[in-house]
Amino acid sequence: METSGDMNNKKEIEKIVSQLNCPRALKCYQTRQEQFAKAKQIGEAVCQLKCLEITPLECPFAQFSADARSYVCTCLVRIYIAGKMSATKQ
Protein backbone atom coordinates (compact mmCIF):
# COMPACT_ATOMS: atom_id res chain seq x y z
CA MET A 1 0.00 0.00 0.00
CA GLU A 2 1.40 3.38 -1.03
CA THR A 3 1.56 6.15 1.55
CA SER A 4 1.02 9.81 0.70
CA GLY A 5 4.80 10.26 1.00
CA ASP A 6 5.37 7.50 -1.56
CA MET A 7 2.86 9.12 -3.92
CA ASN A 8 4.52 12.53 -3.49
CA ASN A 9 7.93 11.02 -4.22
CA LYS A 10 6.56 9.25 -7.30
CA LYS A 11 5.01 12.49 -8.57
CA GLU A 12 8.26 14.38 -8.00
CA ILE A 13 10.26 11.70 -9.83
CA GLU A 14 7.77 11.76 -12.72
CA LYS A 15 8.13 15.56 -12.89
CA ILE A 16 11.95 15.30 -13.02
CA VAL A 17 11.77 12.50 -15.61
CA SER A 18 9.47 14.57 -17.84
CA GLN A 19 12.03 17.40 -17.90
CA LEU A 20 15.10 15.23 -18.34
CA ASN A 21 16.46 14.52 -21.80
CA CYS A 22 18.16 11.14 -21.50
CA PRO A 23 19.48 9.57 -24.70
CA ARG A 24 19.19 6.16 -23.03
CA ALA A 25 15.47 6.74 -22.34
CA LEU A 26 16.18 6.39 -18.61
CA LYS A 27 16.86 2.70 -19.09
CA CYS A 28 18.38 2.53 -15.62
CA TYR A 29 15.23 4.04 -14.08
CA GLN A 30 13.01 1.53 -15.88
CA THR A 31 14.77 -1.42 -14.19
CA ARG A 32 14.36 -2.52 -10.61
CA GLN A 33 15.43 0.08 -8.02
CA GLU A 34 18.31 -1.99 -6.67
CA GLN A 35 19.83 -1.97 -10.16
CA PHE A 36 19.08 1.69 -10.78
CA ALA A 37 22.15 3.75 -11.64
CA LYS A 38 24.63 2.26 -9.23
CA ALA A 39 26.01 5.19 -7.28
CA LYS A 40 27.31 5.95 -3.82
CA GLN A 41 26.83 9.19 -1.92
CA ILE A 42 30.08 11.08 -1.36
CA GLY A 43 30.22 12.67 2.09
CA GLU A 44 27.25 14.67 3.31
CA ALA A 45 26.46 16.33 -0.01
CA VAL A 46 23.52 14.54 -1.64
CA CYS A 47 24.34 16.20 -4.96
CA GLN A 48 27.68 14.36 -5.06
CA LEU A 49 27.18 10.76 -6.10
CA LYS A 50 30.07 8.55 -7.08
CA CYS A 51 29.18 6.52 -10.15
CA LEU A 52 29.71 2.80 -9.54
CA GLU A 53 28.74 1.64 -13.02
CA ILE A 54 31.24 -0.68 -14.72
CA THR A 55 31.00 1.35 -17.93
CA PRO A 56 30.28 4.92 -16.84
CA LEU A 57 31.03 6.38 -20.26
CA GLU A 58 27.84 4.79 -21.58
CA CYS A 59 25.83 7.20 -19.44
CA PRO A 60 25.69 10.88 -20.38
CA PHE A 61 25.26 11.79 -16.72
CA ALA A 62 28.57 10.28 -15.61
CA GLN A 63 31.22 12.98 -15.48
CA PHE A 64 34.83 12.60 -14.47
CA SER A 65 35.74 14.57 -11.37
CA ALA A 66 39.40 15.28 -10.75
CA ASP A 67 38.55 16.12 -7.13
CA ALA A 68 36.88 12.76 -6.53
CA ARG A 69 39.32 10.96 -8.89
CA SER A 70 36.39 9.03 -10.26
CA TYR A 71 33.16 9.50 -12.15
CA VAL A 72 30.28 11.30 -10.47
CA CYS A 73 26.60 10.91 -11.32
CA THR A 74 24.79 14.09 -12.33
CA CYS A 75 21.42 12.48 -13.11
CA LEU A 76 18.72 14.50 -11.34
CA VAL A 77 16.50 11.44 -10.88
CA ARG A 78 19.31 9.47 -9.25
CA ILE A 79 20.27 12.43 -7.05
CA TYR A 80 16.65 12.83 -5.93
CA ILE A 81 16.28 9.15 -5.11
CA ALA A 82 19.62 9.05 -3.27
CA GLY A 83 18.55 12.04 -1.20
CA LYS A 84 15.27 10.41 -0.26
CA MET A 85 16.96 7.11 0.56
CA SER A 86 19.57 8.79 2.76
CA ALA A 87 16.85 10.80 4.53
CA THR A 88 14.95 7.60 5.42
CA LYS A 89 18.11 6.01 6.85
CA GLN A 90 18.58 8.86 9.37
C-alpha atoms as a PDB file:
ATOM      1  CA  MET A   1       0.000   0.000   0.000  1.00  0.00           C
ATOM      2  CA  GLU A   2       1.400   3.379  -1.027  1.00  0.00           C
ATOM      3  CA  THR A   3       1.560   6.145   1.546  1.00  0.00           C
ATOM      4  CA  SER A   4       1.024   9.809   0.701  1.00  0.00           C
ATOM      5  CA  GLY A   5       4.801  10.256   1.003  1.00  0.00           C
ATOM      6  CA  ASP A   6       5.369   7.500  -1.563  1.00  0.00           C
ATOM      7  CA  MET A   7       2.863   9.118  -3.917  1.00  0.00           C
ATOM      8  CA  ASN A   8       4.516  12.532  -3.493  1.00  0.00           C
ATOM      9  CA  ASN A   9       7.933  11.016  -4.222  1.00  0.00           C
ATOM     10  CA  LYS A  10       6.558   9.254  -7.295  1.00  0.00           C
ATOM     11  CA  LYS A  11       5.009  12.490  -8.570  1.00  0.00           C
ATOM     12  CA  GLU A  12       8.264  14.380  -7.999  1.00  0.00           C
ATOM     13  CA  ILE A  13      10.255  11.697  -9.829  1.00  0.00           C
ATOM     14  CA  GLU A  14       7.769  11.764 -12.720  1.00  0.00           C
ATOM     15  CA  LYS A  15       8.133  15.560 -12.886  1.00  0.00           C
ATOM     16  CA  ILE A  16      11.949  15.302 -13.024  1.00  0.00           C
ATOM     17  CA  VAL A  17      11.771  12.504 -15.609  1.00  0.00           C
ATOM     18  CA  SER A  18       9.475  14.573 -17.836  1.00  0.00           C
ATOM     19  CA  GLN A  19      12.028  17.403 -17.902  1.00  0.00           C
ATOM     20  CA  LEU A  20      15.105  15.232 -18.345  1.00  0.00           C
ATOM     21  CA  ASN A  21      16.459  14.521 -21.804  1.00  0.00           C
ATOM     22  CA  CYS A  22      18.156  11.142 -21.502  1.00  0.00           C
ATOM     23  CA  PRO A  23      19.481   9.570 -24.700  1.00  0.00           C
ATOM     24  CA  ARG A  24      19.192   6.161 -23.035  1.00  0.00           C
ATOM     25  CA  ALA A  25      15.469   6.745 -22.339  1.00  0.00           C
ATOM     26  CA  LEU A  26      16.182   6.391 -18.610  1.00  0.00           C
ATOM     27  CA  LYS A  27      16.855   2.704 -19.092  1.00  0.00           C
ATOM     28  CA  CYS A  28      18.378   2.527 -15.618  1.00  0.00           C
ATOM     29  CA  TYR A  29      15.231   4.035 -14.084  1.00  0.00           C
ATOM     30  CA  GLN A  30      13.008   1.527 -15.877  1.00  0.00           C
ATOM     31  CA  THR A  31      14.772  -1.417 -14.194  1.00  0.00           C
ATOM     32  CA  ARG A  32      14.362  -2.522 -10.606  1.00  0.00           C
ATOM     33  CA  GLN A  33      15.426   0.083  -8.024  1.00  0.00           C
ATOM     34  CA  GLU A  34      18.313  -1.990  -6.670  1.00  0.00           C
ATOM     35  CA  GLN A  35      19.828  -1.970 -10.162  1.00  0.00           C
ATOM     36  CA  PHE A  36      19.078   1.691 -10.782  1.00  0.00           C
ATOM     37  CA  ALA A  37      22.152   3.747 -11.642  1.00  0.00           C
ATOM     38  CA  LYS A  38      24.631   2.257  -9.229  1.00  0.00           C
ATOM     39  CA  ALA A  39      26.012   5.190  -7.280  1.00  0.00           C
ATOM     40  CA  LYS A  40      27.308   5.949  -3.816  1.00  0.00           C
ATOM     41  CA  GLN A  41      26.826   9.193  -1.922  1.00  0.00           C
ATOM     42  CA  ILE A  42      30.080  11.078  -1.358  1.00  0.00           C
ATOM     43  CA  GLY A  43      30.220  12.665   2.093  1.00  0.00           C
ATOM     44  CA  GLU A  44      27.248  14.666   3.315  1.00  0.00           C
ATOM     45  CA  ALA A  45      26.459  16.334  -0.011  1.00  0.00           C
ATOM     46  CA  VAL A  46      23.522  14.542  -1.639  1.00  0.00           C
ATOM     47  CA  CYS A  47      24.339  16.202  -4.956  1.00  0.00           C
ATOM     48  CA  GLN A  48      27.676  14.362  -5.060  1.00  0.00           C
ATOM     49  CA  LEU A  49      27.182  10.758  -6.101  1.00  0.00           C
ATOM     50  CA  LYS A  50      30.075   8.546  -7.076  1.00  0.00           C
ATOM     51  CA  CYS A  51      29.177   6.517 -10.155  1.00  0.00           C
ATOM     52  CA  LEU A  52      29.712   2.801  -9.543  1.00  0.00           C
ATOM     53  CA  GLU A  53      28.739   1.635 -13.019  1.00  0.00           C
ATOM     54  CA  ILE A  54      31.239  -0.675 -14.715  1.00  0.00           C
ATOM     55  CA  THR A  55      30.996   1.346 -17.934  1.00  0.00           C
ATOM     56  CA  PRO A  56      30.281   4.924 -16.836  1.00  0.00           C
ATOM     57  CA  LEU A  57      31.035   6.377 -20.257  1.00  0.00           C
ATOM     58  CA  GLU A  58      27.838   4.785 -21.577  1.00  0.00           C
ATOM     59  CA  CYS A  59      25.831   7.196 -19.436  1.00  0.00           C
ATOM     60  CA  PRO A  60      25.693  10.877 -20.382  1.00  0.00           C
ATOM     61  CA  PHE A  61      25.257  11.790 -16.715  1.00  0.00           C
ATOM     62  CA  ALA A  62      28.575  10.280 -15.609  1.00  0.00           C
ATOM     63  CA  GLN A  63      31.217  12.980 -15.482  1.00  0.00           C
ATOM     64  CA  PHE A  64      34.832  12.596 -14.473  1.00  0.00           C
ATOM     65  CA  SER A  65      35.738  14.572 -11.375  1.00  0.00           C
ATOM     66  CA  ALA A  66      39.402  15.285 -10.755  1.00  0.00           C
ATOM     67  CA  ASP A  67      38.553  16.118  -7.133  1.00  0.00           C
ATOM     68  CA  ALA A  68      36.881  12.764  -6.535  1.00  0.00           C
ATOM     69  CA  ARG A  69      39.318  10.957  -8.889  1.00  0.00           C
ATOM     70  CA  SER A  70      36.392   9.033 -10.258  1.00  0.00           C
ATOM     71  CA  TYR A  71      33.158   9.505 -12.146  1.00  0.00           C
ATOM     72  CA  VAL A  72      30.277  11.301 -10.470  1.00  0.00           C
ATOM     73  CA  CYS A  73      26.604  10.909 -11.317  1.00  0.00           C
ATOM     74  CA  THR A  74      24.792  14.095 -12.335  1.00  0.00           C
ATOM     75  CA  CYS A  75      21.421  12.478 -13.113  1.00  0.00           C
ATOM     76  CA  LEU A  76      18.722  14.496 -11.336  1.00  0.00           C
ATOM     77  CA  VAL A  77      16.504  11.444 -10.884  1.00  0.00           C
ATOM     78  CA  ARG A  78      19.314   9.469  -9.254  1.00  0.00           C
ATOM     79  CA  ILE A  79      20.270  12.432  -7.053  1.00  0.00           C
ATOM     80  CA  TYR A  80      16.646  12.834  -5.935  1.00  0.00           C
ATOM     81  CA  ILE A  81      16.277   9.148  -5.109  1.00  0.00           C
ATOM     82  CA  ALA A  82      19.623   9.053  -3.275  1.00  0.00           C
ATOM     83  CA  GLY A  83      18.548  12.043  -1.198  1.00  0.00           C
ATOM     84  CA  LYS A  84      15.269  10.406  -0.261  1.00  0.00           C
ATOM     85  CA  MET A  85      16.962   7.114   0.555  1.00  0.00           C
ATOM     86  CA  SER A  86      19.568   8.787   2.762  1.00  0.00           C
ATOM     87  CA  ALA A  87      16.848  10.800   4.531  1.00  0.00           C
ATOM     88  CA  THR A  88      14.954   7.605   5.420  1.00  0.00           C
ATOM     89  CA  LYS A  89      18.109   6.008   6.854  1.00  0.00           C
ATOM     90  CA  GLN A  90      18.576   8.863   9.367  1.00  0.00           C
END
